[in-house]
């Protein structure tokens, strides 16, 4: 399955009073079709606030992942000859 990167940082405030946000980037490789359950498991384990997924091919598959996680989803269309998208949860 793809690789992921996880980061947590504080935004605003001083002395630790800012808002913490957890970001996960995830290359789901070849669209993630037929691996939605494993992708959901990896994302849940990271407990992110925001997910950026690369190599999204199937809109339906990505929407199923979002629904299973209870997260809103957005997609940005790629410009290459292979229909890859970047997904945001």
N, C-alpha and C. Protein backbone atom coordinates (compact mmCIF):
# COMPACT_ATOMS: atom_id res chain seq x y z
N UNK A 1 0.86 -1.17 0.00
CA UNK A 1 0.00 0.00 0.00
C UNK A 1 0.90 1.22 0.00
N UNK A 2 0.39 2.39 -0.20
CA UNK A 2 1.16 3.61 -0.31
C UNK A 2 1.84 4.02 0.97
N UNK A 3 2.58 5.08 0.89
CA UNK A 3 3.23 5.63 2.06
C UNK A 3 2.42 6.76 2.65
N UNK A 4 2.71 7.07 3.89
CA UNK A 4 1.99 8.18 4.53
C UNK A 4 2.96 9.00 5.36
N UNK A 5 2.58 10.21 5.64
CA UNK A 5 3.35 11.12 6.46
C UNK A 5 2.38 11.81 7.39
N UNK A 6 2.75 11.93 8.64
CA UNK A 6 1.86 12.46 9.65
C UNK A 6 2.57 13.59 10.39
N UNK A 7 1.90 14.68 10.63
CA UNK A 7 2.49 15.80 11.37
C UNK A 7 1.44 16.44 12.26
N UNK A 8 1.88 16.93 13.40
CA UNK A 8 1.01 17.68 14.30
C UNK A 8 1.70 19.00 14.60
N UNK A 9 0.97 20.10 14.55
CA UNK A 9 1.55 21.38 14.91
C UNK A 9 0.50 22.27 15.52
N UNK A 10 0.98 23.31 16.22
CA UNK A 10 0.09 24.30 16.83
C UNK A 10 0.02 25.52 15.94
N UNK A 11 -1.16 26.09 15.85
CA UNK A 11 -1.37 27.28 15.06
C UNK A 11 -1.87 28.38 15.98
N UNK A 12 -1.19 29.52 15.98
CA UNK A 12 -1.61 30.65 16.80
C UNK A 12 -1.34 30.43 18.27
N UNK A 13 -1.63 31.44 19.04
CA UNK A 13 -1.47 31.36 20.48
C UNK A 13 0.00 31.33 20.90
N UNK A 14 0.21 31.48 22.19
CA UNK A 14 1.56 31.45 22.75
C UNK A 14 1.58 30.49 23.91
N UNK A 15 2.73 29.97 24.18
CA UNK A 15 2.90 29.06 25.31
C UNK A 15 1.96 27.87 25.25
N UNK A 16 1.80 27.29 24.04
CA UNK A 16 0.99 26.10 23.90
C UNK A 16 -0.51 26.32 23.92
N UNK A 17 -0.96 27.57 23.75
CA UNK A 17 -2.40 27.84 23.78
C UNK A 17 -3.04 27.83 22.41
N UNK A 18 -2.27 27.51 21.37
CA UNK A 18 -2.80 27.49 20.01
C UNK A 18 -3.66 26.27 19.74
N UNK A 19 -4.18 26.22 18.53
CA UNK A 19 -5.01 25.11 18.09
C UNK A 19 -4.09 24.06 17.46
N UNK A 20 -4.20 22.81 17.88
CA UNK A 20 -3.40 21.74 17.28
C UNK A 20 -4.18 21.10 16.15
N UNK A 21 -3.46 20.80 15.08
CA UNK A 21 -4.07 20.17 13.93
C UNK A 21 -3.17 19.03 13.48
N UNK A 22 -3.77 17.92 13.13
CA UNK A 22 -3.03 16.74 12.69
C UNK A 22 -3.31 16.51 11.20
N UNK A 23 -2.23 16.49 10.39
CA UNK A 23 -2.33 16.33 8.95
C UNK A 23 -1.71 15.00 8.56
N UNK A 24 -2.40 14.25 7.68
CA UNK A 24 -1.87 12.99 7.16
C UNK A 24 -1.88 13.08 5.65
N UNK A 25 -0.74 12.84 5.02
CA UNK A 25 -0.70 12.72 3.57
C UNK A 25 -0.56 11.24 3.26
N UNK A 26 -1.22 10.80 2.18
CA UNK A 26 -1.28 9.37 1.92
C UNK A 26 -1.36 9.11 0.43
N UNK A 27 -0.36 8.42 -0.12
CA UNK A 27 -0.41 8.00 -1.51
C UNK A 27 -1.12 6.65 -1.51
N UNK A 28 -2.36 6.63 -1.97
CA UNK A 28 -3.15 5.40 -1.89
C UNK A 28 -2.83 4.42 -3.02
N UNK A 29 -1.93 4.77 -3.91
CA UNK A 29 -1.44 3.92 -4.99
C UNK A 29 -2.53 3.35 -5.88
N UNK A 30 -2.45 3.69 -7.12
CA UNK A 30 -3.33 3.14 -8.16
C UNK A 30 -4.81 3.26 -7.82
N UNK A 31 -5.16 4.32 -7.15
CA UNK A 31 -6.57 4.60 -6.89
C UNK A 31 -7.17 4.00 -5.64
N UNK A 32 -6.55 2.97 -5.11
CA UNK A 32 -7.05 2.38 -3.88
C UNK A 32 -8.26 1.46 -4.03
N UNK A 33 -8.72 1.24 -5.25
CA UNK A 33 -9.89 0.39 -5.45
C UNK A 33 -9.61 -1.00 -4.88
N UNK A 34 -10.63 -1.56 -4.29
CA UNK A 34 -10.61 -2.88 -3.66
C UNK A 34 -9.70 -2.94 -2.43
N UNK A 35 -9.20 -1.79 -1.98
CA UNK A 35 -8.41 -1.72 -0.76
C UNK A 35 -8.95 -0.66 0.20
N UNK A 36 -10.21 -0.29 -0.02
CA UNK A 36 -10.79 0.78 0.79
C UNK A 36 -10.71 0.48 2.29
N UNK A 37 -10.98 -0.77 2.69
CA UNK A 37 -10.96 -1.12 4.12
C UNK A 37 -9.58 -0.91 4.73
N UNK A 38 -8.53 -1.30 4.01
CA UNK A 38 -7.17 -1.10 4.53
C UNK A 38 -6.81 0.38 4.59
N UNK A 39 -7.23 1.14 3.60
CA UNK A 39 -6.95 2.57 3.58
C UNK A 39 -7.65 3.25 4.76
N UNK A 40 -8.90 2.89 5.00
CA UNK A 40 -9.64 3.44 6.14
C UNK A 40 -8.92 3.11 7.44
N UNK A 41 -8.43 1.88 7.56
CA UNK A 41 -7.73 1.46 8.78
C UNK A 41 -6.48 2.30 9.03
N UNK A 42 -5.70 2.55 7.97
CA UNK A 42 -4.48 3.35 8.10
C UNK A 42 -4.83 4.78 8.50
N UNK A 43 -5.85 5.34 7.87
CA UNK A 43 -6.24 6.72 8.19
C UNK A 43 -6.75 6.81 9.62
N UNK A 44 -7.59 5.88 10.02
CA UNK A 44 -8.10 5.89 11.41
C UNK A 44 -6.97 5.80 12.42
N UNK A 45 -5.98 4.96 12.15
CA UNK A 45 -4.85 4.78 13.07
C UNK A 45 -4.09 6.09 13.26
N UNK A 46 -4.03 6.91 12.21
CA UNK A 46 -3.34 8.19 12.31
C UNK A 46 -4.13 9.26 13.01
N UNK A 47 -5.44 9.07 13.15
CA UNK A 47 -6.35 10.02 13.80
C UNK A 47 -6.13 11.47 13.33
N UNK A 48 -6.11 11.68 12.00
CA UNK A 48 -5.85 13.03 11.50
C UNK A 48 -7.09 13.92 11.51
N UNK A 49 -6.84 15.22 11.49
CA UNK A 49 -7.91 16.19 11.29
C UNK A 49 -8.14 16.42 9.80
N UNK A 50 -7.05 16.32 9.03
CA UNK A 50 -7.09 16.55 7.59
C UNK A 50 -6.26 15.46 6.91
N UNK A 51 -6.76 14.96 5.79
CA UNK A 51 -6.04 13.95 4.99
C UNK A 51 -5.90 14.48 3.57
N UNK A 52 -4.69 14.39 3.02
CA UNK A 52 -4.45 14.69 1.62
C UNK A 52 -4.05 13.37 0.97
N UNK A 53 -4.88 12.87 0.06
CA UNK A 53 -4.64 11.58 -0.58
C UNK A 53 -4.23 11.81 -2.03
N UNK A 54 -3.13 11.18 -2.44
CA UNK A 54 -2.70 11.29 -3.83
C UNK A 54 -2.97 9.98 -4.56
N UNK A 55 -2.97 10.06 -5.88
CA UNK A 55 -3.26 8.95 -6.79
C UNK A 55 -4.70 8.44 -6.67
N UNK A 56 -5.63 9.34 -6.44
CA UNK A 56 -7.05 8.97 -6.42
C UNK A 56 -7.51 8.81 -7.87
N UNK A 57 -8.00 7.64 -8.21
CA UNK A 57 -8.51 7.40 -9.57
C UNK A 57 -10.02 7.29 -9.59
N UNK A 58 -10.58 6.59 -8.64
CA UNK A 58 -12.02 6.35 -8.63
C UNK A 58 -12.72 7.30 -7.66
N UNK A 59 -13.57 8.14 -8.21
CA UNK A 59 -14.35 9.06 -7.38
C UNK A 59 -15.23 8.28 -6.41
N UNK A 60 -15.87 7.22 -6.90
CA UNK A 60 -16.76 6.42 -6.05
C UNK A 60 -16.00 5.77 -4.91
N UNK A 61 -14.84 5.22 -5.19
CA UNK A 61 -14.02 4.58 -4.15
C UNK A 61 -13.61 5.60 -3.10
N UNK A 62 -13.18 6.78 -3.53
CA UNK A 62 -12.77 7.82 -2.58
C UNK A 62 -13.95 8.28 -1.73
N UNK A 63 -15.11 8.39 -2.34
CA UNK A 63 -16.30 8.80 -1.57
C UNK A 63 -16.70 7.73 -0.55
N UNK A 64 -16.52 6.45 -0.89
CA UNK A 64 -16.79 5.38 0.08
C UNK A 64 -15.84 5.47 1.27
N UNK A 65 -14.58 5.76 1.00
CA UNK A 65 -13.59 5.93 2.08
C UNK A 65 -14.01 7.09 2.98
N UNK A 66 -14.37 8.21 2.37
CA UNK A 66 -14.80 9.39 3.14
C UNK A 66 -16.02 9.07 3.99
N UNK A 67 -16.99 8.38 3.41
CA UNK A 67 -18.22 8.04 4.14
C UNK A 67 -17.91 7.13 5.32
N UNK A 68 -17.06 6.14 5.11
CA UNK A 68 -16.70 5.21 6.19
C UNK A 68 -16.01 5.95 7.34
N UNK A 69 -15.25 6.99 7.01
CA UNK A 69 -14.54 7.78 8.03
C UNK A 69 -15.41 8.89 8.62
N UNK A 70 -16.55 9.15 7.99
CA UNK A 70 -17.40 10.25 8.44
C UNK A 70 -16.78 11.61 8.16
N UNK A 71 -16.03 11.70 7.06
CA UNK A 71 -15.34 12.94 6.71
C UNK A 71 -15.89 13.47 5.38
N UNK A 72 -15.91 14.78 5.23
CA UNK A 72 -16.28 15.40 3.96
C UNK A 72 -15.13 15.17 2.97
N UNK A 73 -15.44 15.14 1.68
CA UNK A 73 -14.38 14.91 0.69
C UNK A 73 -14.44 15.94 -0.42
N UNK A 74 -13.27 16.25 -0.95
CA UNK A 74 -13.13 17.12 -2.11
C UNK A 74 -12.06 16.52 -3.00
N UNK A 75 -12.18 16.73 -4.30
CA UNK A 75 -11.20 16.21 -5.25
C UNK A 75 -10.70 17.31 -6.18
N UNK A 76 -9.41 17.28 -6.48
CA UNK A 76 -8.81 18.18 -7.46
C UNK A 76 -8.38 17.32 -8.64
N UNK A 77 -8.76 17.72 -9.83
CA UNK A 77 -8.45 16.98 -11.04
C UNK A 77 -6.98 17.16 -11.43
N UNK A 78 -6.36 16.08 -11.87
CA UNK A 78 -5.00 16.15 -12.39
C UNK A 78 -5.01 16.64 -13.83
N UNK A 79 -3.86 17.00 -14.33
CA UNK A 79 -3.77 17.51 -15.70
C UNK A 79 -3.02 16.58 -16.64
N UNK A 80 -2.55 15.45 -16.12
CA UNK A 80 -1.78 14.52 -16.94
C UNK A 80 -2.67 13.61 -17.77
N UNK A 81 -2.05 12.74 -18.54
CA UNK A 81 -2.82 11.83 -19.39
C UNK A 81 -3.45 10.70 -18.59
N UNK A 82 -2.92 10.38 -17.41
CA UNK A 82 -3.54 9.38 -16.52
C UNK A 82 -4.44 10.14 -15.57
N UNK A 83 -5.71 9.71 -15.43
CA UNK A 83 -6.67 10.48 -14.62
C UNK A 83 -6.45 10.33 -13.11
N UNK A 84 -5.38 10.93 -12.61
CA UNK A 84 -5.11 10.91 -11.17
C UNK A 84 -5.62 12.20 -10.55
N UNK A 85 -6.13 12.08 -9.35
CA UNK A 85 -6.64 13.23 -8.62
C UNK A 85 -5.96 13.30 -7.26
N UNK A 86 -6.06 14.45 -6.64
CA UNK A 86 -5.66 14.61 -5.25
C UNK A 86 -6.94 14.79 -4.46
N UNK A 87 -7.09 14.01 -3.41
CA UNK A 87 -8.29 14.07 -2.59
C UNK A 87 -8.01 14.72 -1.25
N UNK A 88 -8.98 15.42 -0.75
CA UNK A 88 -8.89 16.07 0.55
C UNK A 88 -10.03 15.59 1.42
N UNK A 89 -9.70 15.12 2.61
CA UNK A 89 -10.71 14.70 3.58
C UNK A 89 -10.56 15.58 4.81
